Amino acid sequence: MENFFVPYTGKKPALVCINGHRLVILSHEKDTLEEDLELIGADRVKKVKVAESDVDQEKFLGKIARQVDGGVVIAPSGIGLRDVLKNLEDELPWLQ
């Protein structure tokens, strides 16, 4: 099993808009998200266990994406949420 940590606002995954992209930022490390939840408007982090198979992970990520009608980003290990957000702002093209 693989652990994902998902930021939530109420009962839905916390959505962040960056350059017009609607995204949920997940992590394999709870601390990556928990330290700066206010940056993405989340109020808690939920741990989700997913089987390590590619099919199960695709289903899980697809479910999260459908819940917010957006995309999913998995934060790299050892990178803080502030840095993830900054990198996304710098790298994602603007959507109009």
PDB file of N, CA and C in Angstrom:
ATOM      1  N   MET A   1       0.841  -1.186   0.000  1.00  0.00           N
ATOM      2  CA  MET A   1       0.000   0.000   0.000  1.00  0.00           C
ATOM      3  C   MET A   1       0.886   1.249   0.000  1.00  0.00           C
ATOM      4  N   GLU A   2       0.410   2.249  -0.683  1.00  0.00           N
ATOM      5  CA  GLU A   2       1.116   3.516  -0.749  1.00  0.00           C
ATOM      6  C   GLU A   2       0.236   4.578  -0.105  1.00  0.00           C
ATOM      7  N   ASN A   3       0.833   5.444   0.683  1.00  0.00           N
ATOM      8  CA  ASN A   3       0.087   6.512   1.344  1.00  0.00           C
ATOM      9  C   ASN A   3       0.140   7.794   0.528  1.00  0.00           C
ATOM     10  N   PHE A   4      -1.020   8.419   0.395  1.00  0.00           N
ATOM     11  CA  PHE A   4      -1.111   9.761  -0.163  1.00  0.00           C
ATOM     12  C   PHE A   4      -1.761  10.626   0.900  1.00  0.00           C
ATOM     13  N   PHE A   5      -1.302  11.855   1.000  1.00  0.00           N
ATOM     14  CA  PHE A   5      -1.922  12.819   1.891  1.00  0.00           C
ATOM     15  C   PHE A   5      -2.610  13.858   1.030  1.00  0.00           C
ATOM     16  N   VAL A   6      -3.899  14.061   1.307  1.00  0.00           N
ATOM     17  CA  VAL A   6      -4.751  14.923   0.493  1.00  0.00           C
ATOM     18  C   VAL A   6      -5.240  16.083   1.357  1.00  0.00           C
ATOM     19  N   PRO A   7      -5.039  17.325   0.930  1.00  0.00           N
ATOM     20  CA  PRO A   7      -5.573  18.460   1.687  1.00  0.00           C
ATOM     21  C   PRO A   7      -7.079  18.595   1.419  1.00  0.00           C
ATOM     22  N   TYR A   8      -7.826  18.874   2.460  1.00  0.00           N
ATOM     23  CA  TYR A   8      -9.272  19.022   2.336  1.00  0.00           C
ATOM     24  C   TYR A   8      -9.732  20.362   2.887  1.00  0.00           C
ATOM     25  N   THR A   9     -10.776  20.871   2.262  1.00  0.00           N
ATOM     26  CA  THR A   9     -11.533  22.005   2.761  1.00  0.00           C
ATOM     27  C   THR A   9     -12.948  21.476   2.950  1.00  0.00           C
ATOM     28  N   GLY A  10     -13.342  21.316   4.185  1.00  0.00           N
ATOM     29  CA  GLY A  10     -14.629  20.683   4.454  1.00  0.00           C
ATOM     30  C   GLY A  10     -14.600  19.243   3.983  1.00  0.00           C
ATOM     31  N   LYS A  11     -15.542  18.882   3.118  1.00  0.00           N
ATOM     32  CA  LYS A  11     -15.648  17.502   2.643  1.00  0.00           C
ATOM     33  C   LYS A  11     -15.019  17.274   1.272  1.00  0.00           C
ATOM     34  N   LYS A  12     -14.441  18.331   0.684  1.00  0.00           N
ATOM     35  CA  LYS A  12     -13.864  18.213  -0.661  1.00  0.00           C
ATOM     36  C   LYS A  12     -12.364  18.456  -0.635  1.00  0.00           C
ATOM     37  N   PRO A  13     -11.652  17.836  -1.569  1.00  0.00           N
ATOM     38  CA  PRO A  13     -10.222  18.136  -1.683  1.00  0.00           C
ATOM     39  C   PRO A  13     -10.015  19.629  -1.933  1.00  0.00           C
ATOM     40  N   ALA A  14      -8.992  20.184  -1.300  1.00  0.00           N
ATOM     41  CA  ALA A  14      -8.704  21.620  -1.427  1.00  0.00           C
ATOM     42  C   ALA A  14      -8.179  21.917  -2.828  1.00  0.00           C
ATOM     43  N   LEU A  15      -8.844  22.812  -3.483  1.00  0.00           N
ATOM     44  CA  LEU A  15      -8.511  23.201  -4.848  1.00  0.00           C
ATOM     45  C   LEU A  15      -7.708  24.493  -4.816  1.00  0.00           C
ATOM     46  N   VAL A  16      -6.672  24.540  -5.625  1.00  0.00           N
ATOM     47  CA  VAL A  16      -5.877  25.756  -5.778  1.00  0.00           C
ATOM     48  C   VAL A  16      -5.856  26.086  -7.269  1.00  0.00           C
ATOM     49  N   CYS A  17      -5.969  27.365  -7.591  1.00  0.00           N
ATOM     50  CA  CYS A  17      -5.906  27.789  -8.994  1.00  0.00           C
ATOM     51  C   CYS A  17      -4.574  28.493  -9.228  1.00  0.00           C
ATOM     52  N   ILE A  18      -3.811  27.972 -10.182  1.00  0.00           N
ATOM     53  CA  ILE A  18      -2.507  28.536 -10.512  1.00  0.00           C
ATOM     54  C   ILE A  18      -2.465  28.785 -12.010  1.00  0.00           C
ATOM     55  N   ASN A  19      -2.325  30.042 -12.372  1.00  0.00           N
ATOM     56  CA  ASN A  19      -2.280  30.446 -13.783  1.00  0.00           C
ATOM     57  C   ASN A  19      -3.465  29.895 -14.578  1.00  0.00           C
ATOM     58  N   GLY A  20      -4.614  29.833 -13.933  1.00  0.00           N
ATOM     59  CA  GLY A  20      -5.829  29.346 -14.585  1.00  0.00           C
ATOM     60  C   GLY A  20      -6.029  27.843 -14.509  1.00  0.00           C
ATOM     61  N   HIS A  21      -5.075  27.113 -13.961  1.00  0.00           N
ATOM     62  CA  HIS A  21      -5.174  25.659 -13.815  1.00  0.00           C
ATOM     63  C   HIS A  21      -5.785  25.330 -12.458  1.00  0.00           C
ATOM     64  N   ARG A  22      -6.786  24.477 -12.455  1.00  0.00           N
ATOM     65  CA  ARG A  22      -7.421  24.016 -11.215  1.00  0.00           C
ATOM     66  C   ARG A  22      -6.709  22.741 -10.764  1.00  0.00           C
ATOM     67  N   LEU A  23      -6.101  22.782  -9.579  1.00  0.00           N
ATOM     68  CA  LEU A  23      -5.259  21.675  -9.133  1.00  0.00           C
ATOM     69  C   LEU A  23      -5.495  21.302  -7.678  1.00  0.00           C
ATOM     70  N   VAL A  24      -5.271  20.032  -7.386  1.00  0.00           N
ATOM     71  CA  VAL A  24      -5.157  19.542  -6.014  1.00  0.00           C
ATOM     72  C   VAL A  24      -3.725  19.058  -5.869  1.00  0.00           C
ATOM     73  N   ILE A  25      -3.069  19.496  -4.818  1.00  0.00           N
ATOM     74  CA  ILE A  25      -1.684  19.093  -4.588  1.00  0.00           C
ATOM     75  C   ILE A  25      -1.660  18.021  -3.514  1.00  0.00           C
ATOM     76  N   LEU A  26      -1.198  16.838  -3.891  1.00  0.00           N
ATOM     77  CA  LEU A  26      -1.078  15.715  -2.968  1.00  0.00           C
ATOM     78  C   LEU A  26       0.380  15.541  -2.582  1.00  0.00           C
ATOM     79  N   SER A  27       0.607  14.739  -1.552  1.00  0.00           N
ATOM     80  CA  SER A  27       1.965  14.467  -1.135  1.00  0.00           C
ATOM     81  C   SER A  27       2.062  13.062  -0.552  1.00  0.00           C
ATOM     82  N   HIS A  28       3.266  12.521  -0.572  1.00  0.00           N
ATOM     83  CA  HIS A  28       3.531  11.259   0.114  1.00  0.00           C
ATOM     84  C   HIS A  28       3.947  11.516   1.558  1.00  0.00           C
ATOM     85  N   GLU A  29       4.200  12.769   1.894  1.00  0.00           N
ATOM     86  CA  GLU A  29       4.639  13.158   3.231  1.00  0.00           C
ATOM     87  C   GLU A  29       3.656  14.152   3.823  1.00  0.00           C
ATOM     88  N   LYS A  30       3.115  13.829   4.982  1.00  0.00           N
ATOM     89  CA  LYS A  30       2.120  14.673   5.633  1.00  0.00           C
ATOM     90  C   LYS A  30       2.655  16.078   5.916  1.00  0.00           C
ATOM     91  N   ASP A  31       3.899  16.164   6.364  1.00  0.00           N
ATOM     92  CA  ASP A  31       4.488  17.457   6.734  1.00  0.00           C
ATOM     93  C   ASP A  31       4.548  18.439   5.570  1.00  0.00           C
ATOM     94  N   THR A  32       4.706  17.927   4.359  1.00  0.00           N
ATOM     95  CA  THR A  32       4.777  18.800   3.185  1.00  0.00           C
ATOM     96  C   THR A  32       3.547  19.692   3.101  1.00  0.00           C
ATOM     97  N   LEU A  33       2.385  19.143   3.410  1.00  0.00           N
ATOM     98  CA  LEU A  33       1.136  19.890   3.311  1.00  0.00           C
ATOM     99  C   LEU A  33       0.755  20.561   4.624  1.00  0.00           C
ATOM    100  N   GLU A  34       0.931  19.853   5.706  1.00  0.00           N
ATOM    101  CA  GLU A  34       0.403  20.287   6.991  1.00  0.00           C
ATOM    102  C   GLU A  34       0.985  21.612   7.484  1.00  0.00           C
ATOM    103  N   GLU A  35       2.242  21.875   7.166  1.00  0.00           N
ATOM    104  CA  GLU A  35       2.893  23.083   7.655  1.00  0.00           C
ATOM    105  C   GLU A  35       2.327  24.363   7.044  1.00  0.00           C
ATOM    106  N   ASP A  36       1.769  24.296   5.837  1.00  0.00           N
ATOM    107  CA  ASP A  36       1.299  25.496   5.143  1.00  0.00           C
ATOM    108  C   ASP A  36      -0.102  25.334   4.556  1.00  0.00           C
ATOM    109  N   LEU A  37      -0.986  24.700   5.278  1.00  0.00           N
ATOM    110  CA  LEU A  37      -2.347  24.472   4.763  1.00  0.00           C
ATOM    111  C   LEU A  37      -3.059  25.763   4.362  1.00  0.00           C
ATOM    112  N   GLU A  38      -2.779  26.853   5.084  1.00  0.00           N
ATOM    113  CA  GLU A  38      -3.466  28.115   4.793  1.00  0.00           C
ATOM    114  C   GLU A  38      -3.139  28.638   3.394  1.00  0.00           C
ATOM    115  N   LEU A  39      -2.003  28.236   2.834  1.00  0.00           N
ATOM    116  CA  LEU A  39      -1.632  28.695   1.490  1.00  0.00           C
ATOM    117  C   LEU A  39      -2.589  28.186   0.424  1.00  0.00           C
ATOM    118  N   ILE A  40      -3.215  27.062   0.682  1.00  0.00           N
ATOM    119  CA  ILE A  40      -4.131  26.482  -0.309  1.00  0.00           C
ATOM    120  C   ILE A  40      -5.575  26.457   0.197  1.00  0.00           C
ATOM    121  N   GLY A  41      -5.823  27.112   1.322  1.00  0.00           N
ATOM    122  CA  GLY A  41      -7.182  27.205   1.840  1.00  0.00           C
ATOM    123  C   GLY A  41      -7.719  25.915   2.421  1.00  0.00           C
ATOM    124  N   ALA A  42      -6.847  25.018   2.799  1.00  0.00           N
ATOM    125  CA  ALA A  42      -7.283  23.742   3.371  1.00  0.00           C
ATOM    126  C   ALA A  42      -7.394  23.845   4.887  1.00  0.00           C
ATOM    127  N   ASP A  43      -8.226  22.980   5.458  1.00  0.00           N
ATOM    128  CA  ASP A  43      -8.363  22.983   6.911  1.00  0.00           C
ATOM    129  C   ASP A  43      -7.859  21.697   7.567  1.00  0.00           C
ATOM    130  N   ARG A  44      -7.541  20.684   6.740  1.00  0.00           N
ATOM    131  CA  ARG A  44      -7.016  19.439   7.300  1.00  0.00           C
ATOM    132  C   ARG A  44      -6.366  18.622   6.190  1.00  0.00           C
ATOM    133  N   VAL A  45      -5.621  17.592   6.607  1.00  0.00           N
ATOM    134  CA  VAL A  45      -4.992  16.667   5.676  1.00  0.00           C
ATOM    135  C   VAL A  45      -5.535  15.277   5.974  1.00  0.00           C
ATOM    136  N   LYS A  46      -5.923  14.575   4.931  1.00  0.00           N
ATOM    137  CA  LYS A  46      -6.461  13.226   5.076  1.00  0.00           C
ATOM    138  C   LYS A  46      -5.486  12.224   4.463  1.00  0.00           C
ATOM    139  N   LYS A  47      -5.198  11.160   5.210  1.00  0.00           N
ATOM    140  CA  LYS A  47      -4.324  10.097   4.722  1.00  0.00           C
ATOM    141  C   LYS A  47      -5.169   9.068   3.972  1.00  0.00           C
ATOM    142  N   VAL A  48      -4.730   8.724   2.765  1.00  0.00           N
ATOM    143  CA  VAL A  48      -5.433   7.745   1.939  1.00  0.00           C
ATOM    144  C   VAL A  48      -4.439   6.666   1.541  1.00  0.00           C
ATOM    145  N   LYS A  49      -4.802   5.414   1.779  1.00  0.00           N
ATOM    146  CA  LYS A  49      -3.958   4.296   1.376  1.00  0.00           C
ATOM    147  C   LYS A  49      -4.445   3.764   0.042  1.00  0.00           C
ATOM    148  N   VAL A  50      -3.516   3.608  -0.889  1.00  0.00           N
ATOM    149  CA  VAL A  50      -3.841   3.141  -2.229  1.00  0.00           C
ATOM    150  C   VAL A  50      -2.893   1.994  -2.563  1.00  0.00           C
ATOM    151  N   ALA A  51      -3.423   0.955  -3.185  1.00  0.00           N
ATOM    152  CA  ALA A  51      -2.576  -0.155  -3.617  1.00  0.00           C
ATOM    153  C   ALA A  51      -1.501   0.384  -4.560  1.00  0.00           C
ATOM    154  N   GLU A  52      -0.356  -0.259  -4.562  1.00  0.00           N
ATOM    155  CA  GLU A  52       0.777   0.248  -5.346  1.00  0.00           C
ATOM    156  C   GLU A  52       0.665  -0.008  -6.845  1.00  0.00           C
ATOM    157  N   SER A  53      -0.367  -0.705  -7.292  1.00  0.00           N
ATOM    158  CA  SER A  53      -0.485  -0.966  -8.725  1.00  0.00           C
ATOM    159  C   SER A  53      -0.806   0.328  -9.479  1.00  0.00           C
ATOM    160  N   ASP A  54      -0.308   0.425 -10.692  1.00  0.00           N
ATOM    161  CA  ASP A  54      -0.548   1.615 -11.510  1.00  0.00           C
ATOM    162  C   ASP A  54      -2.039   1.837 -11.743  1.00  0.00           C
ATOM    163  N   VAL A  55      -2.776   0.759 -11.934  1.00  0.00           N
ATOM    164  CA  VAL A  55      -4.215   0.868 -12.201  1.00  0.00           C
ATOM    165  C   VAL A  55      -4.938   1.478 -11.004  1.00  0.00           C
ATOM    166  N   ASP A  56      -4.634   0.986  -9.800  1.00  0.00           N
ATOM    167  CA  ASP A  56      -5.290   1.513  -8.602  1.00  0.00           C
ATOM    168  C   ASP A  56      -4.927   2.976  -8.370  1.00  0.00           C
ATOM    169  N   GLN A  57      -3.671   3.329  -8.608  1.00  0.00           N
ATOM    170  CA  GLN A  57      -3.265   4.712  -8.426  1.00  0.00           C
ATOM    171  C   GLN A  57      -3.927   5.626  -9.451  1.00  0.00           C
ATOM    172  N   GLU A  58      -4.040   5.171 -10.683  1.00  0.00           N
ATOM    173  CA  GLU A  58      -4.728   5.965 -11.706  1.00  0.00           C
ATOM    174  C   GLU A  58      -6.187   6.180 -11.344  1.00  0.00           C
ATOM    175  N   LYS A  59      -6.840   5.153 -10.832  1.00  0.00           N
ATOM    176  CA  LYS A  59      -8.242   5.283 -10.413  1.00  0.00           C
ATOM    177  C   LYS A  59      -8.373   6.308  -9.299  1.00  0.00           C
ATOM    178  N   PHE A  60      -7.483   6.223  -8.304  1.00  0.00           N
ATOM    179  CA  PHE A  60      -7.516   7.158  -7.180  1.00  0.00           C
ATOM    180  C   PHE A  60      -7.293   8.590  -7.652  1.00  0.00           C
ATOM    181  N   LEU A  61      -6.256   8.814  -8.445  1.00  0.00           N
ATOM    182  CA  LEU A  61      -5.957  10.155  -8.936  1.00  0.00           C
ATOM    183  C   LEU A  61      -7.076  10.697  -9.819  1.00  0.00           C
ATOM    184  N   GLY A  62      -7.669   9.825 -10.635  1.00  0.00           N
ATOM    185  CA  GLY A  62      -8.798  10.224 -11.472  1.00  0.00           C
ATOM    186  C   GLY A  62      -9.999  10.635 -10.642  1.00  0.00           C
ATOM    187  N   LYS A  63     -10.239   9.916  -9.563  1.00  0.00           N
ATOM    188  CA  LYS A  63     -11.365  10.244  -8.676  1.00  0.00           C
ATOM    189  C   LYS A  63     -11.174  11.629  -8.054  1.00  0.00           C
ATOM    190  N   ILE A  64      -9.960  11.900  -7.575  1.00  0.00           N
ATOM    191  CA  ILE A  64      -9.679  13.215  -6.992  1.00  0.00           C
ATOM    192  C   ILE A  64      -9.861  14.308  -8.052  1.00  0.00           C
ATOM    193  N   ALA A  65      -9.339  14.082  -9.250  1.00  0.00           N
ATOM    194  CA  ALA A  65      -9.454  15.068 -10.333  1.00  0.00           C
ATOM    195  C   ALA A  65     -10.919  15.351 -10.679  1.00  0.00           C
ATOM    196  N   ARG A  66     -11.737  14.304 -10.726  1.00  0.00           N
ATOM    197  CA  ARG A  66     -13.164  14.488 -11.039  1.00  0.00           C
ATOM    198  C   ARG A  66     -13.880  15.267  -9.933  1.00  0.00           C
ATOM    199  N   GLN A  67     -13.493  15.038  -8.675  1.00  0.00           N
ATOM    200  CA  GLN A  67     -14.147  15.736  -7.560  1.00  0.00           C
ATOM    201  C   GLN A  67     -13.966  17.250  -7.649  1.00  0.00           C
ATOM    202  N   VAL A  68     -12.865  17.691  -8.213  1.00  0.00           N
ATOM    203  CA  VAL A  68     -12.604  19.136  -8.286  1.00  0.00           C
ATOM    204  C   VAL A  68     -12.682  19.675  -9.709  1.00  0.00           C
ATOM    205  N   ASP A  69     -12.952  18.797 -10.662  1.00  0.00           N
ATOM    206  CA  ASP A  69     -12.966  19.172 -12.071  1.00  0.00           C
ATOM    207  C   ASP A  69     -11.664  19.881 -12.433  1.00  0.00           C
ATOM    208  N   GLY A  70     -10.553  19.218 -12.078  1.00  0.00           N
ATOM    209  CA  GLY A  70      -9.246  19.801 -12.324  1.00  0.00           C
ATOM    210  C   GLY A  70      -8.178  18.732 -12.429  1.00  0.00           C
ATOM    211  N   GLY A  71      -6.965  19.116 -12.145  1.00  0.00           N
ATOM    212  CA  GLY A  71      -5.835  18.207 -12.223  1.00  0.00           C
ATOM    213  C   GLY A  71      -5.276  17.876 -10.853  1.00  0.00           C
ATOM    214  N   VAL A  72      -4.338  16.946 -10.840  1.00  0.00           N
ATOM    215  CA  VAL A  72      -3.693  16.509  -9.602  1.00  0.00           C
ATOM    216  C   VAL A  72      -2.189  16.635  -9.777  1.00  0.00           C
ATOM    217  N   VAL A  73      -1.540  17.182  -8.759  1.00  0.00           N
ATOM    218  CA  VAL A  73      -0.087  17.292  -8.726  1.00  0.00           C
ATOM    219  C   VAL A  73       0.390  16.577  -7.475  1.00  0.00           C
ATOM    220  N   ILE A  74       1.402  15.727  -7.627  1.00  0.00           N
ATOM    221  CA  ILE A  74       1.997  15.063  -6.469  1.00  0.00           C
ATOM    222  C   ILE A  74       3.298  15.792  -6.150  1.00  0.00           C
ATOM    223  N   ALA A  75       3.341  16.382  -4.959  1.00  0.00           N
ATOM    224  CA  ALA A  75       4.527  17.140  -4.550  1.00  0.00           C
ATOM    225  C   ALA A  75       5.720  16.204  -4.404  1.00  0.00           C
ATOM    226  N   PRO A  76       6.880  16.603  -4.901  1.00  0.00           N
ATOM    227  CA  PRO A  76       8.073  15.778  -4.739  1.00  0.00           C
ATOM    228  C   PRO A  76       8.491  15.706  -3.266  1.00  0.00           C
ATOM    229  N   SER A  77       9.116  14.615  -2.883  1.00  0.00           N
ATOM    230  CA  SER A  77       9.595  14.448  -1.510  1.00  0.00           C
ATOM    231  C   SER A  77      10.651  15.494  -1.188  1.00  0.00           C
ATOM    232  N   GLY A  78      10.602  15.986   0.040  1.00  0.00           N
ATOM    233  CA  GLY A  78      11.612  16.917   0.506  1.00  0.00           C
ATOM    234  C   GLY A  78      11.429  18.353   0.052  1.00  0.00           C
ATOM    235  N   ILE A  79      10.326  18.651  -0.625  1.00  0.00           N
ATOM    236  CA  ILE A  79      10.056  20.016  -1.105  1.00  0.00           C
ATOM    237  C   ILE A  79       8.851  20.550  -0.336  1.00  0.00           C
ATOM    238  N   GLY A  80       8.966  21.749   0.208  1.00  0.00           N
ATOM    239  CA  GLY A  80       7.859  22.357   0.938  1.00  0.00           C
ATOM    240  C   GLY A  80       6.768  22.848   0.010  1.00  0.00           C
ATOM    241  N   LEU A  81       5.583  23.019   0.557  1.00  0.00           N
ATOM    242  CA  LEU A  81       4.436  23.455  -0.234  1.00  0.00           C
ATOM    243  C   LEU A  81       4.663  24.826  -0.870  1.00  0.00           C
ATOM    244  N   ARG A  82       5.313  25.727  -0.153  1.00  0.00           N
ATOM    245  CA  ARG A  82       5.606  27.062  -0.725  1.00  0.00           C
ATOM    246  C   ARG A  82       6.423  26.925  -2.011  1.00  0.00           C
ATOM    247  N   ASP A  83       7.421  26.045  -1.979  1.00  0.00           N
ATOM    248  CA  ASP A  83       8.268  25.845  -3.156  1.00  0.00           C
ATOM    249  C   ASP A  83       7.507  25.171  -4.292  1.00  0.00           C
ATOM    250  N   VAL A  84       6.638  24.232  -3.958  1.00  0.00           N
ATOM    251  CA  VAL A  84       5.817  23.569  -4.978  1.00  0.00           C
ATOM    252  C   VAL A  84       4.939  24.599  -5.676  1.00  0.00           C
ATOM    253  N   LEU A  85       4.278  25.438  -4.892  1.00  0.00           N
ATOM    254  CA  LEU A  85       3.407  26.468  -5.475  1.00  0.00           C
ATOM    255  C   LEU A  85       4.197  27.445  -6.343  1.00  0.00           C
ATOM    256  N   LYS A  86       5.347  27.869  -5.862  1.00  0.00           N
ATOM    257  CA  LYS A  86       6.188  28.805  -6.625  1.00  0.00           C
ATOM    258  C   LYS A  86       6.628  28.187  -7.946  1.00  0.00           C
ATOM    259  N   ASN A  87       7.063  26.909  -7.894  1.00  0.00           N
ATOM    260  CA  ASN A  87       7.487  26.231  -9.121  1.00  0.00           C
ATOM    261  C   ASN A  87       6.341  26.082 -10.112  1.00  0.00           C
ATOM    262  N   LEU A  88       5.160  25.753  -9.627  1.00  0.00           N
ATOM    263  CA  LEU A  88       4.001  25.635 -10.511  1.00  0.00           C
ATOM    264  C   LEU A  88       3.662  26.990 -11.147  1.00  0.00           C
ATOM    265  N   GLU A  89       3.718  28.063 -10.355  1.00  0.00           N
ATOM    266  CA  GLU A  89       3.452  29.397 -10.896  1.00  0.00           C
ATOM    267  C   GLU A  89       4.450  29.760 -11.993  1.00  0.00           C
ATOM    268  N   ASP A  90       5.705  29.373 -11.791  1.00  0.00           N
ATOM    269  CA  ASP A  90       6.745  29.685 -12.766  1.00  0.00           C
ATOM    270  C   ASP A  90       6.656  28.820 -14.022  1.00  0.00           C
ATOM    271  N   GLU A  91       6.239  27.572 -13.883  1.00  0.00           N
ATOM    272  CA  GLU A  91       6.313  26.611 -14.987  1.00  0.00           C
ATOM    273  C   GLU A  91       5.019  26.420 -15.771  1.00  0.00           C
ATOM    274  N   LEU A  92       3.880  26.590 -15.135  1.00  0.00           N
ATOM    275  CA  LEU A  92       2.623  26.365 -15.849  1.00  0.00           C
ATOM    276  C   LEU A  92       2.289  27.557 -16.734  1.00  0.00           C
ATOM    277  N   PRO A  93       1.903  27.299 -17.966  1.00  0.00           N
ATOM    278  CA  PRO A  93       1.492  28.406 -18.831  1.00  0.00           C
ATOM    279  C   PRO A  93       0.140  28.944 -18.373  1.00  0.00           C
ATOM    280  N   TRP A  94      -0.137  30.172 -18.716  1.00  0.00           N
ATOM    281  CA  TRP A  94      -1.428  30.765 -18.381  1.00  0.00           C
ATOM    282  C   TRP A  94      -2.528  30.186 -19.268  1.00  0.00           C
ATOM    283  N   LEU A  95      -3.654  29.874 -18.652  1.00  0.00           N
ATOM    284  CA  LEU A  95      -4.853  29.463 -19.388  1.00  0.00           C
ATOM    285  C   LEU A  95      -5.827  30.625 -19.376  1.00  0.00           C
ATOM    286  N   GLN A  96      -6.383  30.926 -20.505  1.00  0.00           N
ATOM    287  CA  GLN A  96      -7.339  32.039 -20.598  1.00  0.00           C
ATOM    288  C   GLN A  96      -8.734  31.504 -20.719  1.00  0.00           C
TER     289      GLN A  96
END
